[in-house]
Amino acid sequence: MSKKYEIIEATGEMYKCNDHYPDTYALNIEWVANGIGFGELNITYNEKTGKWRKDTEYMSDEFCQAVLAKWLADMERS
């Protein structure tokens, strides 16, 4: 991975979507990176169709993986 950035923070929130998206849950990860700024990675899951979707705000897969890795690394262990 060619690193032109460092993910400083990645925090997630999961919620049930509103009536416009029935049977859908969302995971929203807000991130901060030096050299780039900040943004959001949104992942949704429809429990009836079993389909996952992502809204990456045009971020590369490599960058999204770095955001997810930071979020997982900072997650509390139970």
PDB file of N, CA and C in Angstrom:
ATOM      1  N   MET A   1       0.840  -1.170   0.000  1.00  0.00           N
ATOM      2  CA  MET A   1       0.000   0.000   0.000  1.00  0.00           C
ATOM      3  C   MET A   1       0.890   1.240   0.000  1.00  0.00           C
ATOM      4  N   SER A   2       0.708   2.120  -0.945  1.00  0.00           N
ATOM      5  CA  SER A   2       1.474   3.365  -0.978  1.00  0.00           C
ATOM      6  C   SER A   2       0.792   4.356  -0.039  1.00  0.00           C
ATOM      7  N   LYS A   3       1.481   4.710   1.034  1.00  0.00           N
ATOM      8  CA  LYS A   3       0.872   5.545   2.060  1.00  0.00           C
ATOM      9  C   LYS A   3       1.208   7.008   1.838  1.00  0.00           C
ATOM     10  N   LYS A   4       0.213   7.784   1.447  1.00  0.00           N
ATOM     11  CA  LYS A   4       0.361   9.226   1.329  1.00  0.00           C
ATOM     12  C   LYS A   4      -0.412   9.893   2.448  1.00  0.00           C
ATOM     13  N   TYR A   5      -0.874   9.108   3.374  1.00  0.00           N
ATOM     14  CA  TYR A   5      -1.756   9.596   4.422  1.00  0.00           C
ATOM     15  C   TYR A   5      -1.619   8.700   5.645  1.00  0.00           C
ATOM     16  N   GLU A   6      -2.137   9.188   6.749  1.00  0.00           N
ATOM     17  CA  GLU A   6      -2.231   8.381   7.970  1.00  0.00           C
ATOM     18  C   GLU A   6      -3.628   8.599   8.533  1.00  0.00           C
ATOM     19  N   ILE A   7      -4.340   7.525   8.788  1.00  0.00           N
ATOM     20  CA  ILE A   7      -5.655   7.619   9.395  1.00  0.00           C
ATOM     21  C   ILE A   7      -5.434   7.877  10.880  1.00  0.00           C
ATOM     22  N   ILE A   8      -5.834   9.032  11.345  1.00  0.00           N
ATOM     23  CA  ILE A   8      -5.609   9.428  12.735  1.00  0.00           C
ATOM     24  C   ILE A   8      -6.733   8.932  13.625  1.00  0.00           C
ATOM     25  N   GLU A   9      -7.953   8.979  13.117  1.00  0.00           N
ATOM     26  CA  GLU A   9      -9.110   8.602  13.922  1.00  0.00           C
ATOM     27  C   GLU A   9     -10.179   7.995  13.029  1.00  0.00           C
ATOM     28  N   ALA A  10     -10.862   6.987  13.539  1.00  0.00           N
ATOM     29  CA  ALA A  10     -11.997   6.379  12.839  1.00  0.00           C
ATOM     30  C   ALA A  10     -12.984   5.899  13.891  1.00  0.00           C
ATOM     31  N   THR A  11     -14.149   6.529  13.929  1.00  0.00           N
ATOM     32  CA  THR A  11     -15.165   6.171  14.913  1.00  0.00           C
ATOM     33  C   THR A  11     -16.437   5.755  14.194  1.00  0.00           C
ATOM     34  N   GLY A  12     -17.084   4.724  14.713  1.00  0.00           N
ATOM     35  CA  GLY A  12     -18.253   4.178  14.040  1.00  0.00           C
ATOM     36  C   GLY A  12     -19.537   4.297  14.846  1.00  0.00           C
ATOM     37  N   GLU A  13     -20.629   4.343  14.106  1.00  0.00           N
ATOM     38  CA  GLU A  13     -21.963   4.352  14.698  1.00  0.00           C
ATOM     39  C   GLU A  13     -22.854   3.467  13.838  1.00  0.00           C
ATOM     40  N   MET A  14     -23.625   2.606  14.488  1.00  0.00           N
ATOM     41  CA  MET A  14     -24.545   1.734  13.765  1.00  0.00           C
ATOM     42  C   MET A  14     -25.963   2.110  14.148  1.00  0.00           C
ATOM     43  N   TYR A  15     -26.855   2.105  13.159  1.00  0.00           N
ATOM     44  CA  TYR A  15     -28.241   2.474  13.429  1.00  0.00           C
ATOM     45  C   TYR A  15     -29.175   1.860  12.397  1.00  0.00           C
ATOM     46  N   LYS A  16     -30.458   1.789  12.752  1.00  0.00           N
ATOM     47  CA  LYS A  16     -31.497   1.337  11.830  1.00  0.00           C
ATOM     48  C   LYS A  16     -31.909   2.541  11.008  1.00  0.00           C
ATOM     49  N   CYS A  17     -31.979   2.361   9.703  1.00  0.00           N
ATOM     50  CA  CYS A  17     -32.324   3.462   8.811  1.00  0.00           C
ATOM     51  C   CYS A  17     -33.797   3.825   8.943  1.00  0.00           C
ATOM     52  N   ASN A  18     -34.154   4.958   8.388  1.00  0.00           N
ATOM     53  CA  ASN A  18     -35.533   5.447   8.493  1.00  0.00           C
ATOM     54  C   ASN A  18     -36.457   4.733   7.507  1.00  0.00           C
ATOM     55  N   ASP A  19     -37.690   5.198   7.417  1.00  0.00           N
ATOM     56  CA  ASP A  19     -38.707   4.557   6.584  1.00  0.00           C
ATOM     57  C   ASP A  19     -38.385   4.585   5.089  1.00  0.00           C
ATOM     58  N   HIS A  20     -37.494   5.480   4.669  1.00  0.00           N
ATOM     59  CA  HIS A  20     -37.117   5.530   3.248  1.00  0.00           C
ATOM     60  C   HIS A  20     -36.283   4.316   2.842  1.00  0.00           C
ATOM     61  N   TYR A  21     -35.665   3.675   3.835  1.00  0.00           N
ATOM     62  CA  TYR A  21     -34.833   2.485   3.596  1.00  0.00           C
ATOM     63  C   TYR A  21     -35.283   1.383   4.549  1.00  0.00           C
ATOM     64  N   PRO A  22     -36.431   0.766   4.293  1.00  0.00           N
ATOM     65  CA  PRO A  22     -36.944  -0.244   5.227  1.00  0.00           C
ATOM     66  C   PRO A  22     -36.024  -1.464   5.316  1.00  0.00           C
ATOM     67  N   ASP A  23     -36.013  -2.077   6.490  1.00  0.00           N
ATOM     68  CA  ASP A  23     -35.244  -3.303   6.743  1.00  0.00           C
ATOM     69  C   ASP A  23     -33.745  -3.119   6.552  1.00  0.00           C
ATOM     70  N   THR A  24     -33.272  -1.886   6.706  1.00  0.00           N
ATOM     71  CA  THR A  24     -31.867  -1.586   6.440  1.00  0.00           C
ATOM     72  C   THR A  24     -31.186  -1.020   7.681  1.00  0.00           C
ATOM     73  N   TYR A  25     -29.974  -1.498   7.901  1.00  0.00           N
ATOM     74  CA  TYR A  25     -29.112  -1.006   8.972  1.00  0.00           C
ATOM     75  C   TYR A  25     -27.897  -0.348   8.338  1.00  0.00           C
ATOM     76  N   ALA A  26     -27.354   0.649   9.022  1.00  0.00           N
ATOM     77  CA  ALA A  26     -26.201   1.358   8.484  1.00  0.00           C
ATOM     78  C   ALA A  26     -25.078   1.398   9.506  1.00  0.00           C
ATOM     79  N   LEU A  27     -23.864   1.312   9.003  1.00  0.00           N
ATOM     80  CA  LEU A  27     -22.655   1.541   9.784  1.00  0.00           C
ATOM     81  C   LEU A  27     -21.995   2.765   9.174  1.00  0.00           C
ATOM     82  N   ASN A  28     -21.868   3.814   9.962  1.00  0.00           N
ATOM     83  CA  ASN A  28     -21.255   5.048   9.500  1.00  0.00           C
ATOM     84  C   ASN A  28     -19.936   5.226  10.240  1.00  0.00           C
ATOM     85  N   ILE A  29     -18.836   5.274   9.499  1.00  0.00           N
ATOM     86  CA  ILE A  29     -17.517   5.460  10.104  1.00  0.00           C
ATOM     87  C   ILE A  29     -16.999   6.830   9.689  1.00  0.00           C
ATOM     88  N   GLU A  30     -16.846   7.705  10.679  1.00  0.00           N
ATOM     89  CA  GLU A  30     -16.264   9.028  10.442  1.00  0.00           C
ATOM     90  C   GLU A  30     -14.759   8.903  10.635  1.00  0.00           C
ATOM     91  N   TRP A  31     -13.991   9.478   9.715  1.00  0.00           N
ATOM     92  CA  TRP A  31     -12.544   9.345   9.788  1.00  0.00           C
ATOM     93  C   TRP A  31     -11.861  10.709   9.654  1.00  0.00           C
ATOM     94  N   VAL A  32     -10.641  10.763  10.180  1.00  0.00           N
ATOM     95  CA  VAL A  32      -9.773  11.930  10.054  1.00  0.00           C
ATOM     96  C   VAL A  32      -8.418  11.398   9.610  1.00  0.00           C
ATOM     97  N   ALA A  33      -7.837  12.035   8.588  1.00  0.00           N
ATOM     98  CA  ALA A  33      -6.528  11.613   8.085  1.00  0.00           C
ATOM     99  C   ALA A  33      -5.655  12.835   7.831  1.00  0.00           C
ATOM    100  N   ASN A  34      -4.365  12.706   8.183  1.00  0.00           N
ATOM    101  CA  ASN A  34      -3.487  13.832   7.889  1.00  0.00           C
ATOM    102  C   ASN A  34      -3.199  13.848   6.390  1.00  0.00           C
ATOM    103  N   GLY A  35      -3.046  15.020   5.849  1.00  0.00           N
ATOM    104  CA  GLY A  35      -2.778  15.167   4.420  1.00  0.00           C
ATOM    105  C   GLY A  35      -4.027  15.115   3.549  1.00  0.00           C
ATOM    106  N   ILE A  36      -5.178  14.718   4.136  1.00  0.00           N
ATOM    107  CA  ILE A  36      -6.404  14.605   3.344  1.00  0.00           C
ATOM    108  C   ILE A  36      -7.539  15.400   3.965  1.00  0.00           C
ATOM    109  N   GLY A  37      -7.746  15.238   5.271  1.00  0.00           N
ATOM    110  CA  GLY A  37      -8.846  15.912   5.943  1.00  0.00           C
ATOM    111  C   GLY A  37      -9.725  14.931   6.668  1.00  0.00           C
ATOM    112  N   PHE A  38     -11.033  14.950   6.363  1.00  0.00           N
ATOM    113  CA  PHE A  38     -11.982  14.101   7.077  1.00  0.00           C
ATOM    114  C   PHE A  38     -13.086  13.673   6.118  1.00  0.00           C
ATOM    115  N   GLY A  39     -13.854  12.683   6.553  1.00  0.00           N
ATOM    116  CA  GLY A  39     -14.961  12.216   5.726  1.00  0.00           C
ATOM    117  C   GLY A  39     -15.701  11.086   6.402  1.00  0.00           C
ATOM    118  N   GLU A  40     -16.535  10.413   5.618  1.00  0.00           N
ATOM    119  CA  GLU A  40     -17.343   9.320   6.130  1.00  0.00           C
ATOM    120  C   GLU A  40     -17.320   8.145   5.167  1.00  0.00           C
ATOM    121  N   LEU A  41     -17.347   6.965   5.730  1.00  0.00           N
ATOM    122  CA  LEU A  41     -17.519   5.723   4.984  1.00  0.00           C
ATOM    123  C   LEU A  41     -18.816   5.118   5.483  1.00  0.00           C
ATOM    124  N   ASN A  42     -19.772   4.906   4.595  1.00  0.00           N
ATOM    125  CA  ASN A  42     -21.084   4.383   4.978  1.00  0.00           C
ATOM    126  C   ASN A  42     -21.297   3.009   4.363  1.00  0.00           C
ATOM    127  N   ILE A  43     -21.676   2.058   5.220  1.00  0.00           N
ATOM    128  CA  ILE A  43     -21.945   0.691   4.785  1.00  0.00           C
ATOM    129  C   ILE A  43     -23.359   0.347   5.238  1.00  0.00           C
ATOM    130  N   THR A  44     -24.178  -0.168   4.330  1.00  0.00           N
ATOM    131  CA  THR A  44     -25.549  -0.534   4.693  1.00  0.00           C
ATOM    132  C   THR A  44     -25.791  -2.014   4.425  1.00  0.00           C
ATOM    133  N   TYR A  45     -26.719  -2.562   5.194  1.00  0.00           N
ATOM    134  CA  TYR A  45     -27.110  -3.962   5.056  1.00  0.00           C
ATOM    135  C   TYR A  45     -28.626  -4.041   5.094  1.00  0.00           C
ATOM    136  N   ASN A  46     -29.213  -4.679   4.076  1.00  0.00           N
ATOM    137  CA  ASN A  46     -30.655  -4.895   4.037  1.00  0.00           C
ATOM    138  C   ASN A  46     -30.908  -6.323   4.497  1.00  0.00           C
ATOM    139  N   GLU A  47     -31.605  -6.451   5.631  1.00  0.00           N
ATOM    140  CA  GLU A  47     -31.800  -7.781   6.208  1.00  0.00           C
ATOM    141  C   GLU A  47     -32.762  -8.644   5.403  1.00  0.00           C
ATOM    142  N   LYS A  48     -33.629  -8.066   4.598  1.00  0.00           N
ATOM    143  CA  LYS A  48     -34.555  -8.869   3.785  1.00  0.00           C
ATOM    144  C   LYS A  48     -33.879  -9.411   2.532  1.00  0.00           C
ATOM    145  N   THR A  49     -33.066  -8.575   1.874  1.00  0.00           N
ATOM    146  CA  THR A  49     -32.415  -9.012   0.633  1.00  0.00           C
ATOM    147  C   THR A  49     -31.063  -9.665   0.892  1.00  0.00           C
ATOM    148  N   GLY A  50     -30.475  -9.384   2.078  1.00  0.00           N
ATOM    149  CA  GLY A  50     -29.145  -9.908   2.380  1.00  0.00           C
ATOM    150  C   GLY A  50     -28.036  -9.175   1.630  1.00  0.00           C
ATOM    151  N   LYS A  51     -28.343  -7.998   1.078  1.00  0.00           N
ATOM    152  CA  LYS A  51     -27.353  -7.245   0.281  1.00  0.00           C
ATOM    153  C   LYS A  51     -26.654  -6.176   1.111  1.00  0.00           C
ATOM    154  N   TRP A  52     -25.349  -6.083   0.872  1.00  0.00           N
ATOM    155  CA  TRP A  52     -24.500  -5.051   1.462  1.00  0.00           C
ATOM    156  C   TRP A  52     -24.217  -4.004   0.390  1.00  0.00           C
ATOM    157  N   ARG A  53     -24.144  -2.738   0.796  1.00  0.00           N
ATOM    158  CA  ARG A  53     -23.782  -1.649  -0.126  1.00  0.00           C
ATOM    159  C   ARG A  53     -22.833  -0.711   0.600  1.00  0.00           C
ATOM    160  N   LYS A  54     -22.045   0.023  -0.173  1.00  0.00           N
ATOM    161  CA  LYS A  54     -21.140   1.000   0.440  1.00  0.00           C
ATOM    162  C   LYS A  54     -21.215   2.319  -0.312  1.00  0.00           C
ATOM    163  N   ASP A  55     -21.087   3.390   0.441  1.00  0.00           N
ATOM    164  CA  ASP A  55     -20.967   4.727  -0.126  1.00  0.00           C
ATOM    165  C   ASP A  55     -19.620   5.241   0.336  1.00  0.00           C
ATOM    166  N   THR A  56     -18.683   5.331  -0.590  1.00  0.00           N
ATOM    167  CA  THR A  56     -17.298   5.629  -0.243  1.00  0.00           C
ATOM    168  C   THR A  56     -16.905   7.077  -0.478  1.00  0.00           C
ATOM    169  N   GLU A  57     -17.835   7.901  -0.956  1.00  0.00           N
ATOM    170  CA  GLU A  57     -17.523   9.293  -1.300  1.00  0.00           C
ATOM    171  C   GLU A  57     -16.332   9.337  -2.271  1.00  0.00           C
ATOM    172  N   TYR A  58     -16.258   8.375  -3.186  1.00  0.00           N
ATOM    173  CA  TYR A  58     -15.224   8.279  -4.224  1.00  0.00           C
ATOM    174  C   TYR A  58     -13.829   7.980  -3.679  1.00  0.00           C
ATOM    175  N   MET A  59     -13.749   7.416  -2.471  1.00  0.00           N
ATOM    176  CA  MET A  59     -12.462   7.001  -1.922  1.00  0.00           C
ATOM    177  C   MET A  59     -12.062   5.676  -2.569  1.00  0.00           C
ATOM    178  N   SER A  60     -10.776   5.458  -2.709  1.00  0.00           N
ATOM    179  CA  SER A  60     -10.293   4.209  -3.290  1.00  0.00           C
ATOM    180  C   SER A  60     -10.530   3.052  -2.333  1.00  0.00           C
ATOM    181  N   ASP A  61     -10.542   1.836  -2.864  1.00  0.00           N
ATOM    182  CA  ASP A  61     -10.674   0.652  -2.007  1.00  0.00           C
ATOM    183  C   ASP A  61      -9.524   0.588  -1.010  1.00  0.00           C
ATOM    184  N   GLU A  62      -8.334   0.958  -1.443  1.00  0.00           N
ATOM    185  CA  GLU A  62      -7.157   0.958  -0.570  1.00  0.00           C
ATOM    186  C   GLU A  62      -7.374   1.885   0.628  1.00  0.00           C
ATOM    187  N   PHE A  63      -7.898   3.072   0.367  1.00  0.00           N
ATOM    188  CA  PHE A  63      -8.138   4.022   1.453  1.00  0.00           C
ATOM    189  C   PHE A  63      -9.245   3.514   2.374  1.00  0.00           C
ATOM    190  N   CYS A  64     -10.324   2.978   1.816  1.00  0.00           N
ATOM    191  CA  CYS A  64     -11.424   2.437   2.625  1.00  0.00           C
ATOM    192  C   CYS A  64     -10.930   1.312   3.527  1.00  0.00           C
ATOM    193  N   GLN A  65     -10.038   0.478   3.013  1.00  0.00           N
ATOM    194  CA  GLN A  65      -9.482  -0.604   3.820  1.00  0.00           C
ATOM    195  C   GLN A  65      -8.646  -0.047   4.966  1.00  0.00           C
ATOM    196  N   ALA A  66      -7.936   1.049   4.719  1.00  0.00           N
ATOM    197  CA  ALA A  66      -7.149   1.686   5.780  1.00  0.00           C
ATOM    198  C   ALA A  66      -8.067   2.267   6.852  1.00  0.00           C
ATOM    199  N   VAL A  67      -9.190   2.864   6.461  1.00  0.00           N
ATOM    200  CA  VAL A  67     -10.161   3.395   7.417  1.00  0.00           C
ATOM    201  C   VAL A  67     -10.734   2.255   8.254  1.00  0.00           C
ATOM    202  N   LEU A  68     -11.139   1.168   7.596  1.00  0.00           N
ATOM    203  CA  LEU A  68     -11.683   0.015   8.323  1.00  0.00           C
ATOM    204  C   LEU A  68     -10.645  -0.584   9.267  1.00  0.00           C
ATOM    205  N   ALA A  69      -9.408  -0.671   8.831  1.00  0.00           N
ATOM    206  CA  ALA A  69      -8.340  -1.226   9.670  1.00  0.00           C
ATOM    207  C   ALA A  69      -8.141  -0.368  10.926  1.00  0.00           C
ATOM    208  N   LYS A  70      -8.174   0.948  10.767  1.00  0.00           N
ATOM    209  CA  LYS A  70      -8.010   1.849  11.918  1.00  0.00           C
ATOM    210  C   LYS A  70      -9.194   1.702  12.871  1.00  0.00           C
ATOM    211  N   TRP A  71     -10.404   1.625  12.312  1.00  0.00           N
ATOM    212  CA  TRP A  71     -11.602   1.466  13.135  1.00  0.00           C
ATOM    213  C   TRP A  71     -11.534   0.166  13.931  1.00  0.00           C
ATOM    214  N   LEU A  72     -11.155  -0.929  13.277  1.00  0.00           N
ATOM    215  CA  LEU A  72     -11.042  -2.217  13.958  1.00  0.00           C
ATOM    216  C   LEU A  72      -9.933  -2.206  15.003  1.00  0.00           C
ATOM    217  N   ALA A  73      -8.799  -1.589  14.680  1.00  0.00           N
ATOM    218  CA  ALA A  73      -7.663  -1.567  15.608  1.00  0.00           C
ATOM    219  C   ALA A  73      -7.996  -0.801  16.880  1.00  0.00           C
ATOM    220  N   ASP A  74      -8.833   0.236  16.761  1.00  0.00           N
ATOM    221  CA  ASP A  74      -9.176   1.061  17.918  1.00  0.00           C
ATOM    222  C   ASP A  74     -10.394   0.550  18.684  1.00  0.00           C
ATOM    223  N   MET A  75     -11.036  -0.498  18.167  1.00  0.00           N
ATOM    224  CA  MET A  75     -12.242  -1.028  18.798  1.00  0.00           C
ATOM    225  C   MET A  75     -11.878  -1.688  20.130  1.00  0.00           C
ATOM    226  N   GLU A  76     -12.720  -1.468  21.123  1.00  0.00           N
ATOM    227  CA  GLU A  76     -12.502  -2.095  22.419  1.00  0.00           C
ATOM    228  C   GLU A  76     -12.762  -3.581  22.323  1.00  0.00           C
ATOM    229  N   ARG A  77     -11.965  -4.337  23.020  1.00  0.00           N
ATOM    230  CA  ARG A  77     -12.163  -5.790  23.056  1.00  0.00           C
ATOM    231  C   ARG A  77     -13.058  -6.127  24.233  1.00  0.00           C
ATOM    232  N   SER A  78     -13.927  -7.113  24.023  1.00  0.00           N
ATOM    233  CA  SER A  78     -14.817  -7.495  25.131  1.00  0.00           C
ATOM    234  C   SER A  78     -14.299  -8.711  25.855  1.00  0.00           C
TER     235      SER A  78
END
